[in-house]
Amino acid sequence: MKKTLLLIAFLLPILGYSQVVCTSQSGQNAQSIIENFFIGEGVEISNVRFNGQLGVNSNQFGTFTNADTSGQNVKLSSGLVIVTGDIQDAAAGSAAIHSSNGIPQNNDEQTAVPLRLLLTELGFSQSMNDIGVLTFDFVPQGNEISF
């Protein structure tokens, strides 16, 4: 009986599947990604940039889909992901084996000047590594917006 339970305990992780699937958007146009995966109707966007560029040149930015929004899982069926490492680490969670670094690494603190100023004001002096910054302007047609 103990051997059977032990065998089942080892096989369960193999039989399981990931709920969240993350897809890198490296090489894609940041404006298109935001229009297709983030912005709904009634909102105009412009000046979309990831790390200051229109084209995404990083494995830090991507999209996710979630087949199971029940129970304790993330309650969103899809959306955007920005990480400080490899986008695949977001889906892997604590079992991540990919990389702790963004590729290419972005350690240029000029990418996130407002964040650097805020951290300095709060007394933090550590360097920022693998910075991922998504910026865009938006104009809603109505008087309310939600993210």
N, C-alpha and C. Protein backbone atom coordinates (compact mmCIF):
# COMPACT_ATOMS: atom_id res chain seq x y z
N MET A 1 0.82 -1.20 0.00
CA MET A 1 0.00 0.00 0.00
C MET A 1 0.87 1.26 0.00
N LYS A 2 1.94 1.24 0.84
CA LYS A 2 2.83 2.40 0.90
C LYS A 2 3.52 2.63 -0.44
N LYS A 3 3.90 1.55 -1.12
CA LYS A 3 4.58 1.68 -2.40
C LYS A 3 3.64 2.29 -3.44
N THR A 4 2.36 1.90 -3.41
CA THR A 4 1.38 2.44 -4.35
C THR A 4 1.19 3.94 -4.11
N LEU A 5 1.05 4.35 -2.85
CA LEU A 5 0.88 5.77 -2.54
C LEU A 5 2.11 6.57 -2.93
N LEU A 6 3.29 6.00 -2.70
CA LEU A 6 4.52 6.68 -3.07
C LEU A 6 4.61 6.86 -4.59
N LEU A 7 4.24 5.84 -5.34
CA LEU A 7 4.24 5.91 -6.80
C LEU A 7 3.26 6.97 -7.29
N ILE A 8 2.08 7.03 -6.70
CA ILE A 8 1.08 8.03 -7.08
C ILE A 8 1.60 9.44 -6.77
N ALA A 9 2.25 9.60 -5.62
CA ALA A 9 2.79 10.91 -5.24
C ALA A 9 3.84 11.39 -6.23
N PHE A 10 4.64 10.47 -6.77
CA PHE A 10 5.65 10.85 -7.76
C PHE A 10 5.04 11.13 -9.12
N LEU A 11 3.97 10.45 -9.48
CA LEU A 11 3.37 10.61 -10.80
C LEU A 11 2.44 11.82 -10.91
N LEU A 12 1.87 12.27 -9.81
CA LEU A 12 0.92 13.39 -9.87
C LEU A 12 1.52 14.64 -10.51
N PRO A 13 2.73 15.04 -10.16
CA PRO A 13 3.27 16.23 -10.85
C PRO A 13 3.43 16.02 -12.35
N ILE A 14 3.71 14.82 -12.79
CA ILE A 14 3.87 14.53 -14.21
C ILE A 14 2.53 14.61 -14.92
N LEU A 15 1.47 14.18 -14.23
CA LEU A 15 0.14 14.16 -14.84
C LEU A 15 -0.53 15.53 -14.82
N GLY A 16 -0.05 16.45 -13.98
CA GLY A 16 -0.64 17.78 -13.89
C GLY A 16 -0.28 18.62 -15.11
N TYR A 17 -0.93 19.76 -15.24
CA TYR A 17 -0.62 20.66 -16.34
C TYR A 17 -0.65 22.09 -15.82
N SER A 18 0.05 22.94 -16.51
CA SER A 18 0.14 24.33 -16.13
C SER A 18 -1.16 25.05 -16.49
N GLN A 19 -1.66 25.85 -15.57
CA GLN A 19 -2.88 26.60 -15.82
C GLN A 19 -2.61 27.83 -16.67
N VAL A 20 -1.50 28.48 -16.43
CA VAL A 20 -1.17 29.72 -17.11
C VAL A 20 -0.10 29.47 -18.16
N VAL A 21 -0.34 29.96 -19.37
CA VAL A 21 0.63 29.84 -20.45
C VAL A 21 1.10 31.24 -20.80
N CYS A 22 2.40 31.48 -20.71
CA CYS A 22 2.99 32.78 -21.03
C CYS A 22 3.70 32.71 -22.37
N THR A 23 3.55 33.75 -23.17
CA THR A 23 4.16 33.82 -24.49
C THR A 23 4.96 35.10 -24.61
N SER A 24 6.25 34.98 -24.90
CA SER A 24 7.08 36.16 -25.10
C SER A 24 6.60 36.91 -26.34
N GLN A 25 6.67 38.23 -26.27
CA GLN A 25 6.29 39.06 -27.41
C GLN A 25 7.52 39.75 -28.00
N SER A 26 8.71 39.20 -27.73
CA SER A 26 9.94 39.76 -28.28
C SER A 26 9.86 39.79 -29.80
N GLY A 27 10.27 40.91 -30.37
CA GLY A 27 10.23 41.08 -31.82
C GLY A 27 8.93 41.68 -32.32
N GLN A 28 7.96 41.87 -31.44
CA GLN A 28 6.66 42.41 -31.84
C GLN A 28 6.61 43.92 -31.60
N ASN A 29 5.61 44.56 -32.17
CA ASN A 29 5.36 45.98 -32.02
C ASN A 29 4.58 46.19 -30.72
N ALA A 30 5.11 47.02 -29.81
CA ALA A 30 4.47 47.25 -28.52
C ALA A 30 3.05 47.80 -28.66
N GLN A 31 2.84 48.67 -29.63
CA GLN A 31 1.51 49.26 -29.85
C GLN A 31 0.51 48.15 -30.20
N SER A 32 0.90 47.25 -31.09
CA SER A 32 0.01 46.15 -31.49
C SER A 32 -0.32 45.24 -30.32
N ILE A 33 0.66 44.97 -29.48
CA ILE A 33 0.43 44.10 -28.32
C ILE A 33 -0.61 44.72 -27.39
N ILE A 34 -0.45 46.00 -27.10
CA ILE A 34 -1.39 46.68 -26.21
C ILE A 34 -2.79 46.72 -26.83
N GLU A 35 -2.88 47.01 -28.12
CA GLU A 35 -4.18 47.06 -28.79
C GLU A 35 -4.86 45.69 -28.80
N ASN A 36 -4.10 44.62 -28.99
CA ASN A 36 -4.68 43.29 -29.12
C ASN A 36 -4.93 42.56 -27.81
N PHE A 37 -4.16 42.89 -26.77
CA PHE A 37 -4.24 42.10 -25.55
C PHE A 37 -4.63 42.89 -24.30
N PHE A 38 -4.74 44.21 -24.40
CA PHE A 38 -4.95 44.98 -23.18
C PHE A 38 -6.08 45.99 -23.28
N ILE A 39 -6.11 46.76 -24.33
CA ILE A 39 -7.08 47.85 -24.45
C ILE A 39 -8.39 47.33 -25.02
N GLY A 40 -9.48 47.71 -24.38
CA GLY A 40 -10.80 47.37 -24.89
C GLY A 40 -11.36 48.49 -25.73
N GLU A 41 -12.64 48.40 -26.00
CA GLU A 41 -13.30 49.44 -26.79
C GLU A 41 -13.42 50.73 -26.00
N GLY A 42 -13.46 51.85 -26.72
CA GLY A 42 -13.69 53.13 -26.08
C GLY A 42 -12.44 53.80 -25.52
N VAL A 43 -11.27 53.32 -25.92
CA VAL A 43 -10.02 53.92 -25.45
C VAL A 43 -9.07 54.08 -26.63
N GLU A 44 -8.53 55.27 -26.77
CA GLU A 44 -7.51 55.52 -27.78
C GLU A 44 -6.15 55.52 -27.10
N ILE A 45 -5.18 54.84 -27.70
CA ILE A 45 -3.83 54.83 -27.12
C ILE A 45 -2.82 55.37 -28.12
N SER A 46 -1.72 55.86 -27.59
CA SER A 46 -0.63 56.35 -28.43
C SER A 46 0.66 56.29 -27.62
N ASN A 47 1.78 56.52 -28.32
CA ASN A 47 3.10 56.59 -27.68
C ASN A 47 3.44 55.34 -26.87
N VAL A 48 3.07 54.17 -27.35
CA VAL A 48 3.36 52.93 -26.63
C VAL A 48 4.84 52.60 -26.78
N ARG A 49 5.49 52.34 -25.65
CA ARG A 49 6.90 51.98 -25.64
C ARG A 49 7.15 50.94 -24.55
N PHE A 50 8.05 50.00 -24.85
CA PHE A 50 8.55 49.08 -23.84
C PHE A 50 10.04 49.35 -23.71
N ASN A 51 10.46 49.71 -22.53
CA ASN A 51 11.85 50.12 -22.27
C ASN A 51 12.30 51.20 -23.27
N GLY A 52 11.38 52.11 -23.55
CA GLY A 52 11.69 53.25 -24.41
C GLY A 52 11.64 52.98 -25.90
N GLN A 53 11.29 51.77 -26.32
CA GLN A 53 11.29 51.42 -27.74
C GLN A 53 9.91 50.96 -28.19
N LEU A 54 9.58 51.22 -29.46
CA LEU A 54 8.32 50.75 -30.02
C LEU A 54 8.35 49.23 -30.23
N GLY A 55 9.48 48.71 -30.65
CA GLY A 55 9.63 47.27 -30.84
C GLY A 55 10.08 46.62 -29.55
N VAL A 56 9.50 45.48 -29.22
CA VAL A 56 9.89 44.75 -28.01
C VAL A 56 11.13 43.94 -28.32
N ASN A 57 12.20 44.23 -27.63
CA ASN A 57 13.47 43.53 -27.83
C ASN A 57 13.88 42.89 -26.52
N SER A 58 12.99 42.08 -25.94
CA SER A 58 13.27 41.52 -24.63
C SER A 58 12.37 40.32 -24.37
N ASN A 59 12.87 39.38 -23.59
CA ASN A 59 12.04 38.25 -23.16
C ASN A 59 11.33 38.57 -21.85
N GLN A 60 11.28 39.83 -21.46
CA GLN A 60 10.63 40.25 -20.22
C GLN A 60 9.16 40.59 -20.39
N PHE A 61 8.71 40.76 -21.60
CA PHE A 61 7.36 41.26 -21.86
C PHE A 61 6.60 40.25 -22.69
N GLY A 62 5.39 39.95 -22.26
CA GLY A 62 4.61 38.98 -23.02
C GLY A 62 3.15 38.99 -22.63
N THR A 63 2.47 37.99 -23.08
CA THR A 63 1.05 37.83 -22.79
C THR A 63 0.84 36.49 -22.09
N PHE A 64 -0.31 36.37 -21.44
CA PHE A 64 -0.64 35.09 -20.82
C PHE A 64 -2.08 34.72 -21.12
N THR A 65 -2.33 33.43 -21.13
CA THR A 65 -3.68 32.89 -21.18
C THR A 65 -3.84 31.93 -20.02
N ASN A 66 -5.03 31.86 -19.51
CA ASN A 66 -5.31 31.05 -18.33
C ASN A 66 -6.58 30.25 -18.60
N ALA A 67 -6.43 28.96 -18.74
CA ALA A 67 -7.57 28.11 -19.08
C ALA A 67 -8.51 27.88 -17.90
N ASP A 68 -8.02 28.03 -16.68
CA ASP A 68 -8.83 27.72 -15.49
C ASP A 68 -8.81 28.91 -14.54
N THR A 69 -9.90 29.66 -14.48
CA THR A 69 -9.97 30.82 -13.59
C THR A 69 -10.75 30.52 -12.32
N SER A 70 -10.95 29.24 -12.02
CA SER A 70 -11.70 28.85 -10.83
C SER A 70 -10.77 28.65 -9.64
N GLY A 71 -11.36 28.43 -8.49
CA GLY A 71 -10.59 28.11 -7.29
C GLY A 71 -9.59 29.18 -6.93
N GLN A 72 -8.37 28.76 -6.61
CA GLN A 72 -7.32 29.67 -6.19
C GLN A 72 -6.50 30.21 -7.35
N ASN A 73 -6.85 29.85 -8.58
CA ASN A 73 -6.10 30.31 -9.74
C ASN A 73 -6.32 31.79 -9.99
N VAL A 74 -5.47 32.38 -10.81
CA VAL A 74 -5.63 33.77 -11.23
C VAL A 74 -7.00 33.91 -11.88
N LYS A 75 -7.71 34.95 -11.55
CA LYS A 75 -9.09 35.13 -12.03
C LYS A 75 -9.19 35.78 -13.40
N LEU A 76 -8.07 35.99 -14.06
CA LEU A 76 -8.06 36.58 -15.39
C LEU A 76 -7.82 35.50 -16.43
N SER A 77 -8.54 35.57 -17.55
CA SER A 77 -8.36 34.56 -18.60
C SER A 77 -7.20 34.92 -19.54
N SER A 78 -6.81 36.19 -19.58
CA SER A 78 -5.68 36.59 -20.42
C SER A 78 -5.21 37.98 -19.99
N GLY A 79 -4.01 38.34 -20.43
CA GLY A 79 -3.49 39.66 -20.10
C GLY A 79 -2.03 39.80 -20.45
N LEU A 80 -1.41 40.83 -19.88
CA LEU A 80 -0.01 41.14 -20.12
C LEU A 80 0.83 40.72 -18.93
N VAL A 81 2.10 40.39 -19.21
CA VAL A 81 3.05 40.04 -18.16
C VAL A 81 4.35 40.80 -18.41
N ILE A 82 4.87 41.44 -17.37
CA ILE A 82 6.19 42.06 -17.41
C ILE A 82 6.95 41.50 -16.22
N VAL A 83 8.12 40.94 -16.48
CA VAL A 83 8.92 40.33 -15.42
C VAL A 83 10.34 40.89 -15.46
N THR A 84 11.11 40.64 -14.41
CA THR A 84 12.49 41.06 -14.38
C THR A 84 13.42 39.98 -14.91
N GLY A 85 12.89 38.82 -15.20
CA GLY A 85 13.70 37.73 -15.75
C GLY A 85 13.14 37.29 -17.09
N ASP A 86 12.99 35.99 -17.26
CA ASP A 86 12.45 35.39 -18.48
C ASP A 86 10.94 35.23 -18.32
N ILE A 87 10.18 35.56 -19.35
CA ILE A 87 8.72 35.51 -19.30
C ILE A 87 8.20 34.12 -18.92
N GLN A 88 8.94 33.08 -19.29
CA GLN A 88 8.51 31.72 -18.96
C GLN A 88 8.55 31.46 -17.45
N ASP A 89 9.35 32.24 -16.72
CA ASP A 89 9.40 32.09 -15.27
C ASP A 89 8.07 32.47 -14.62
N ALA A 90 7.30 33.35 -15.25
CA ALA A 90 6.02 33.78 -14.69
C ALA A 90 5.05 32.61 -14.60
N ALA A 91 5.01 31.77 -15.61
CA ALA A 91 4.11 30.61 -15.59
C ALA A 91 4.65 29.51 -14.69
N ALA A 92 5.96 29.40 -14.58
CA ALA A 92 6.57 28.33 -13.81
C ALA A 92 6.51 28.60 -12.31
N GLY A 93 6.34 29.86 -11.92
CA GLY A 93 6.28 30.19 -10.50
C GLY A 93 7.56 29.81 -9.78
N SER A 94 7.43 29.20 -8.61
CA SER A 94 8.61 28.86 -7.82
C SER A 94 9.41 27.73 -8.44
N ALA A 95 8.87 27.05 -9.44
CA ALA A 95 9.59 25.96 -10.11
C ALA A 95 10.37 26.48 -11.32
N ALA A 96 10.52 27.79 -11.43
CA ALA A 96 11.19 28.39 -12.59
C ALA A 96 12.62 27.89 -12.73
N ILE A 97 12.98 27.51 -13.95
CA ILE A 97 14.34 27.03 -14.21
C ILE A 97 14.97 27.79 -15.37
N HIS A 98 14.30 28.80 -15.88
CA HIS A 98 14.78 29.48 -17.09
C HIS A 98 15.92 30.43 -16.80
N SER A 99 15.62 31.60 -16.30
CA SER A 99 16.66 32.60 -16.14
C SER A 99 16.21 33.65 -15.15
N SER A 100 17.14 34.15 -14.38
CA SER A 100 16.80 35.24 -13.48
C SER A 100 17.13 36.58 -14.12
N ASN A 101 17.56 36.56 -15.37
CA ASN A 101 17.94 37.78 -16.07
C ASN A 101 17.07 38.01 -17.30
N GLY A 102 16.75 39.28 -17.53
CA GLY A 102 16.11 39.64 -18.78
C GLY A 102 17.13 39.57 -19.90
N ILE A 103 16.70 39.23 -21.07
CA ILE A 103 17.62 39.16 -22.22
C ILE A 103 17.06 40.06 -23.31
N PRO A 104 17.76 41.08 -23.76
CA PRO A 104 19.03 41.55 -23.20
C PRO A 104 18.80 42.21 -21.85
N GLN A 105 19.82 42.20 -20.99
CA GLN A 105 19.69 42.81 -19.69
C GLN A 105 19.49 44.31 -19.85
N ASN A 106 18.61 44.87 -19.04
CA ASN A 106 18.39 46.31 -19.05
C ASN A 106 18.66 46.83 -17.66
N ASN A 107 19.86 47.29 -17.43
CA ASN A 107 20.24 47.83 -16.14
C ASN A 107 20.42 49.35 -16.21
N ASP A 108 19.87 49.95 -17.27
CA ASP A 108 19.97 51.40 -17.48
C ASP A 108 18.88 52.08 -16.66
N GLU A 109 19.27 52.69 -15.56
CA GLU A 109 18.30 53.31 -14.67
C GLU A 109 17.61 54.51 -15.31
N GLN A 110 18.09 54.98 -16.47
CA GLN A 110 17.42 56.06 -17.18
C GLN A 110 16.10 55.57 -17.78
N THR A 111 15.92 54.25 -17.87
CA THR A 111 14.67 53.68 -18.37
C THR A 111 13.52 53.94 -17.41
N ALA A 112 13.82 54.04 -16.12
CA ALA A 112 12.79 54.20 -15.10
C ALA A 112 13.16 55.31 -14.13
N VAL A 113 13.37 56.51 -14.64
CA VAL A 113 13.80 57.64 -13.81
C VAL A 113 12.81 57.91 -12.68
N PRO A 114 11.49 57.97 -12.92
CA PRO A 114 10.56 58.23 -11.80
C PRO A 114 10.66 57.17 -10.69
N LEU A 115 10.85 55.92 -11.08
CA LEU A 115 10.98 54.87 -10.08
C LEU A 115 12.28 55.05 -9.29
N ARG A 116 13.38 55.35 -9.97
CA ARG A 116 14.65 55.58 -9.29
C ARG A 116 14.53 56.73 -8.31
N LEU A 117 13.87 57.83 -8.70
CA LEU A 117 13.70 58.98 -7.82
C LEU A 117 12.86 58.62 -6.60
N LEU A 118 11.80 57.86 -6.79
CA LEU A 118 10.95 57.43 -5.68
C LEU A 118 11.73 56.55 -4.71
N LEU A 119 12.46 55.58 -5.24
CA LEU A 119 13.25 54.70 -4.38
C LEU A 119 14.31 55.47 -3.61
N THR A 120 14.95 56.41 -4.27
CA THR A 120 15.97 57.23 -3.60
C THR A 120 15.33 58.05 -2.48
N GLU A 121 14.16 58.62 -2.77
CA GLU A 121 13.44 59.40 -1.76
C GLU A 121 13.07 58.54 -0.55
N LEU A 122 12.79 57.26 -0.78
CA LEU A 122 12.43 56.35 0.31
C LEU A 122 13.65 55.76 1.01
N GLY A 123 14.85 56.14 0.55
CA GLY A 123 16.06 55.70 1.21
C GLY A 123 16.72 54.46 0.62
N PHE A 124 16.23 53.98 -0.51
CA PHE A 124 16.83 52.81 -1.14
C PHE A 124 17.96 53.25 -2.08
N SER A 125 19.09 52.57 -2.01
CA SER A 125 20.21 52.95 -2.86
C SER A 125 20.70 51.80 -3.74
N GLN A 126 20.05 50.66 -3.68
CA GLN A 126 20.47 49.52 -4.48
C GLN A 126 20.24 49.81 -5.97
N SER A 127 21.04 49.16 -6.80
CA SER A 127 20.88 49.34 -8.24
C SER A 127 19.64 48.58 -8.71
N MET A 128 19.07 49.04 -9.81
CA MET A 128 17.93 48.36 -10.42
C MET A 128 18.45 47.53 -11.58
N ASN A 129 18.01 46.28 -11.66
CA ASN A 129 18.47 45.38 -12.70
C ASN A 129 17.28 44.81 -13.47
N ASP A 130 17.49 44.54 -14.75
CA ASP A 130 16.48 43.93 -15.60
C ASP A 130 15.17 44.70 -15.54
N ILE A 131 15.26 45.98 -15.77
CA ILE A 131 14.11 46.88 -15.69
C ILE A 131 13.17 46.61 -16.87
N GLY A 132 11.89 46.54 -16.59
CA GLY A 132 10.87 46.40 -17.62
C GLY A 132 9.83 47.49 -17.45
N VAL A 133 9.78 48.43 -18.40
CA VAL A 133 8.88 49.58 -18.28
C VAL A 133 7.99 49.66 -19.51
N LEU A 134 6.69 49.62 -19.29
CA LEU A 134 5.70 49.80 -20.35
C LEU A 134 5.04 51.15 -20.14
N THR A 135 5.10 52.01 -21.16
CA THR A 135 4.46 53.33 -21.06
C THR A 135 3.56 53.54 -22.26
N PHE A 136 2.46 54.25 -22.04
CA PHE A 136 1.57 54.65 -23.13
C PHE A 136 0.65 55.74 -22.64
N ASP A 137 0.16 56.51 -23.59
CA ASP A 137 -0.84 57.54 -23.32
C ASP A 137 -2.19 56.97 -23.72
N PHE A 138 -3.23 57.34 -22.99
CA PHE A 138 -4.56 56.88 -23.37
C PHE A 138 -5.59 57.97 -23.12
N VAL A 139 -6.65 57.93 -23.95
CA VAL A 139 -7.77 58.86 -23.82
C VAL A 139 -9.04 58.02 -23.86
N PRO A 140 -9.77 57.94 -22.74
CA PRO A 140 -11.04 57.19 -22.75
C PRO A 140 -12.15 58.03 -23.37
N GLN A 141 -13.10 57.36 -24.02
CA GLN A 141 -14.24 58.08 -24.58
C GLN A 141 -15.23 58.46 -23.49
N GLY A 142 -15.24 57.71 -22.40
CA GLY A 142 -16.15 57.99 -21.29
C GLY A 142 -15.42 58.65 -20.14
N ASN A 143 -16.07 58.64 -18.96
CA ASN A 143 -15.46 59.28 -17.79
C ASN A 143 -14.92 58.25 -16.80
N GLU A 144 -14.79 57.01 -17.23
CA GLU A 144 -14.32 55.95 -16.35
C GLU A 144 -13.45 54.98 -17.11
N ILE A 145 -12.41 54.44 -16.44
CA ILE A 145 -11.53 53.45 -17.05
C ILE A 145 -11.09 52.49 -15.97
N SER A 146 -10.84 51.24 -16.35
CA SER A 146 -10.33 50.27 -15.37
C SER A 146 -9.25 49.41 -16.02
N PHE A 147 -8.35 48.92 -15.19
CA PHE A 147 -7.26 48.07 -15.64
C PHE A 147 -7.41 46.73 -14.96
